[in-house]
Structures are given as structure tokens and as C-alpha cells.
């Protein structure tokens, strides 16, 4: 049975709980089975546009590599976090085209 302990001052107990409750590393799903949503977002960004591609089932390293390729393709900056990639500016068509070329199913 999993412990419901929220906090402990015992460092050995905390270490044991961290190791016991560790999650299995995320593995990459097949691109053809992933549906990626690509949209432009302006909320909470001081009026600036950001292209957001979300719905990835990739580990952090693969997501980072894909984000780097998309940033290079668009010639702009961005970030990858929480199973989504943010690209600065309005690049929905470029991002969607590149993702489709790599085998992902894309919804705009």
C-alpha cells in the first residue's frame, strides 16, 4: 500500500519514500498515434502571439529535440515543457506542416 505521508523531517524516510514512489520513465509513443493541436495563444503574454503545439507523448529529451528543430524551422525562440512546445510568433502553418512531415497527426 502506498504511503499517504505528505511531509517528514526524517531524511532517511523521505529518501525511501522518494525511491519507492518514483515513476517509470516516459517512453515515446508512435508519432502516427499522437494527435497534436496547434493554436495561436495571446493570453497572459502582454498581447504577444505564441504558437502552442500540445498533446505530445514524448520524453523530455525527445520533446526538447523536436522543439529545437521547430524553432530552427521558424527562425525564432521558444520552449518545451509539460508535453507542449511554445514557439514565439504566429507560425501555425509552418509548425503544422513540419509536424505532419514528421508523421504526427495535426489539428489546427
C-alpha atoms as a PDB file:
ATOM      1  CA  UNK A   1       0.000   0.000   0.000  1.00  0.00           C
ATOM      2  CA  UNK A   2       1.307   3.457  -0.908  1.00  0.00           C
ATOM      3  CA  UNK A   3       2.014   5.851   1.925  1.00  0.00           C
ATOM      4  CA  UNK A   4      -0.122   8.975   2.148  1.00  0.00           C
ATOM      5  CA  UNK A   5       2.636  10.791   4.059  1.00  0.00           C
ATOM      6  CA  UNK A   6       2.876  14.411   2.962  1.00  0.00           C
ATOM      7  CA  UNK A   7       5.927  15.631   4.876  1.00  0.00           C
ATOM      8  CA  UNK A   8       8.563  14.198   7.172  1.00  0.00           C
ATOM      9  CA  UNK A   9      11.607  15.629   8.934  1.00  0.00           C
ATOM     10  CA  UNK A  10      13.448  12.280   8.779  1.00  0.00           C
ATOM     11  CA  UNK A  11      15.780  12.455   5.748  1.00  0.00           C
ATOM     12  CA  UNK A  12      16.149   8.668   5.501  1.00  0.00           C
ATOM     13  CA  UNK A  13      12.382   8.147   5.462  1.00  0.00           C
ATOM     14  CA  UNK A  14      11.991  10.896   2.854  1.00  0.00           C
ATOM     15  CA  UNK A  15      14.652   9.274   0.651  1.00  0.00           C
ATOM     16  CA  UNK A  16      12.985   5.864   0.963  1.00  0.00           C
ATOM     17  CA  UNK A  17       9.578   7.319   0.049  1.00  0.00           C
ATOM     18  CA  UNK A  18      11.015   9.145  -2.984  1.00  0.00           C
ATOM     19  CA  UNK A  19      12.650   5.973  -4.276  1.00  0.00           C
ATOM     20  CA  UNK A  20       9.580   3.840  -3.563  1.00  0.00           C
ATOM     21  CA  UNK A  21       7.170   6.205  -5.300  1.00  0.00           C
ATOM     22  CA  UNK A  22       9.320   7.027  -8.296  1.00  0.00           C
ATOM     23  CA  UNK A  23       7.577   6.976 -11.645  1.00  0.00           C
ATOM     24  CA  UNK A  24       8.703   4.910 -14.579  1.00  0.00           C
ATOM     25  CA  UNK A  25      10.442   6.993 -17.249  1.00  0.00           C
ATOM     26  CA  UNK A  26       8.142   8.198 -20.012  1.00  0.00           C
ATOM     27  CA  UNK A  27       8.662   6.464 -23.351  1.00  0.00           C
ATOM     28  CA  UNK A  28       7.978   7.967 -26.747  1.00  0.00           C
ATOM     29  CA  UNK A  29       4.682   6.996 -28.367  1.00  0.00           C
ATOM     30  CA  UNK A  30       4.484   6.423 -32.113  1.00  0.00           C
ATOM     31  CA  UNK A  31       4.014   9.799 -33.886  1.00  0.00           C
ATOM     32  CA  UNK A  32       1.170   8.451 -36.043  1.00  0.00           C
ATOM     33  CA  UNK A  33      -0.820   7.686 -32.881  1.00  0.00           C
ATOM     34  CA  UNK A  34      -0.432  11.183 -31.424  1.00  0.00           C
ATOM     35  CA  UNK A  35      -2.909  13.957 -32.192  1.00  0.00           C
ATOM     36  CA  UNK A  36      -1.214  17.335 -31.829  1.00  0.00           C
ATOM     37  CA  UNK A  37      -3.225  20.537 -31.513  1.00  0.00           C
ATOM     38  CA  UNK A  38      -1.526  23.648 -32.931  1.00  0.00           C
ATOM     39  CA  UNK A  39      -3.021  27.034 -31.990  1.00  0.00           C
ATOM     40  CA  UNK A  40      -2.020  30.672 -31.519  1.00  0.00           C
ATOM     41  CA  UNK A  41      -2.281  31.906 -27.934  1.00  0.00           C
ATOM     42  CA  UNK A  42      -2.284  35.552 -26.810  1.00  0.00           C
ATOM     43  CA  UNK A  43      -3.488  35.182 -23.229  1.00  0.00           C
ATOM     44  CA  UNK A  44      -1.189  36.148 -20.351  1.00  0.00           C
ATOM     45  CA  UNK A  45       1.500  37.219 -22.820  1.00  0.00           C
ATOM     46  CA  UNK A  46       1.137  41.014 -22.888  1.00  0.00           C
ATOM     47  CA  UNK A  47      -0.527  40.906 -26.329  1.00  0.00           C
ATOM     48  CA  UNK A  48       2.280  38.932 -27.960  1.00  0.00           C
ATOM     49  CA  UNK A  49       1.407  35.899 -30.077  1.00  0.00           C
ATOM     50  CA  UNK A  50       2.759  32.436 -29.301  1.00  0.00           C
ATOM     51  CA  UNK A  51       2.170  29.276 -31.338  1.00  0.00           C
ATOM     52  CA  UNK A  52       1.430  26.370 -28.990  1.00  0.00           C
ATOM     53  CA  UNK A  53       1.643  22.721 -30.068  1.00  0.00           C
ATOM     54  CA  UNK A  54       0.227  20.447 -27.353  1.00  0.00           C
ATOM     55  CA  UNK A  55      -0.637  16.796 -26.833  1.00  0.00           C
ATOM     56  CA  UNK A  56       2.819  15.244 -27.207  1.00  0.00           C
ATOM     57  CA  UNK A  57       3.529  11.853 -25.650  1.00  0.00           C
ATOM     58  CA  UNK A  58       7.308  12.169 -25.680  1.00  0.00           C
ATOM     59  CA  UNK A  59      10.002  12.117 -23.015  1.00  0.00           C
ATOM     60  CA  UNK A  60      11.717  15.388 -22.117  1.00  0.00           C
ATOM     61  CA  UNK A  61      14.787  14.770 -24.297  1.00  0.00           C
ATOM     62  CA  UNK A  62      12.764  13.969 -27.437  1.00  0.00           C
ATOM     63  CA  UNK A  63      10.437  16.914 -26.798  1.00  0.00           C
ATOM     64  CA  UNK A  64      13.452  19.218 -26.457  1.00  0.00           C
ATOM     65  CA  UNK A  65      14.970  17.970 -29.719  1.00  0.00           C
ATOM     66  CA  UNK A  66      11.672  18.441 -31.564  1.00  0.00           C
ATOM     67  CA  UNK A  67      11.293  21.938 -30.098  1.00  0.00           C
ATOM     68  CA  UNK A  68      14.805  22.846 -31.256  1.00  0.00           C
ATOM     69  CA  UNK A  69      14.011  21.652 -34.781  1.00  0.00           C
ATOM     70  CA  UNK A  70      10.749  23.636 -34.870  1.00  0.00           C
ATOM     71  CA  UNK A  71      12.443  26.778 -33.538  1.00  0.00           C
ATOM     72  CA  UNK A  72      15.122  26.465 -36.206  1.00  0.00           C
ATOM     73  CA  UNK A  73      12.490  25.924 -38.918  1.00  0.00           C
ATOM     74  CA  UNK A  74      10.593  29.058 -37.810  1.00  0.00           C
ATOM     75  CA  UNK A  75      13.721  31.119 -37.121  1.00  0.00           C
ATOM     76  CA  UNK A  76      12.547  32.160 -33.668  1.00  0.00           C
ATOM     77  CA  UNK A  77      12.736  31.280 -29.995  1.00  0.00           C
ATOM     78  CA  UNK A  78      10.522  29.109 -27.865  1.00  0.00           C
ATOM     79  CA  UNK A  79      10.384  26.477 -25.153  1.00  0.00           C
ATOM     80  CA  UNK A  80       9.298  22.911 -24.456  1.00  0.00           C
ATOM     81  CA  UNK A  81       7.604  21.992 -21.184  1.00  0.00           C
ATOM     82  CA  UNK A  82       4.656  19.998 -19.829  1.00  0.00           C
ATOM     83  CA  UNK A  83       4.116  17.991 -23.054  1.00  0.00           C
ATOM     84  CA  UNK A  84       3.790  21.123 -25.188  1.00  0.00           C
ATOM     85  CA  UNK A  85       6.016  23.286 -27.348  1.00  0.00           C
ATOM     86  CA  UNK A  86       5.704  27.076 -27.469  1.00  0.00           C
ATOM     87  CA  UNK A  87       7.127  28.969 -30.455  1.00  0.00           C
ATOM     88  CA  UNK A  88       7.291  32.770 -30.382  1.00  0.00           C
ATOM     89  CA  UNK A  89       5.123  34.405 -33.047  1.00  0.00           C
ATOM     90  CA  UNK A  90       2.355  33.184 -35.337  1.00  0.00           C
ATOM     91  CA  UNK A  91       3.760  30.106 -37.095  1.00  0.00           C
ATOM     92  CA  UNK A  92       0.791  27.729 -37.122  1.00  0.00           C
ATOM     93  CA  UNK A  93       1.207  26.721 -40.772  1.00  0.00           C
ATOM     94  CA  UNK A  94       4.969  26.119 -40.548  1.00  0.00           C
ATOM     95  CA  UNK A  95       4.716  24.149 -37.295  1.00  0.00           C
ATOM     96  CA  UNK A  96       1.770  22.074 -38.520  1.00  0.00           C
ATOM     97  CA  UNK A  97       3.486  21.293 -41.823  1.00  0.00           C
ATOM     98  CA  UNK A  98       6.709  20.228 -40.107  1.00  0.00           C
ATOM     99  CA  UNK A  99       4.870  18.040 -37.587  1.00  0.00           C
ATOM    100  CA  UNK A 100       2.881  16.370 -40.378  1.00  0.00           C
ATOM    101  CA  UNK A 101       6.120  15.758 -42.277  1.00  0.00           C
ATOM    102  CA  UNK A 102       7.474  14.000 -39.169  1.00  0.00           C
ATOM    103  CA  UNK A 103       4.416  11.738 -39.023  1.00  0.00           C
ATOM    104  CA  UNK A 104       2.253  13.412 -36.355  1.00  0.00           C
ATOM    105  CA  UNK A 105      -1.496  13.888 -36.820  1.00  0.00           C
ATOM    106  CA  UNK A 106      -2.216  17.611 -36.532  1.00  0.00           C
ATOM    107  CA  UNK A 107      -5.361  19.562 -35.696  1.00  0.00           C
ATOM    108  CA  UNK A 108      -5.422  23.333 -36.066  1.00  0.00           C
END
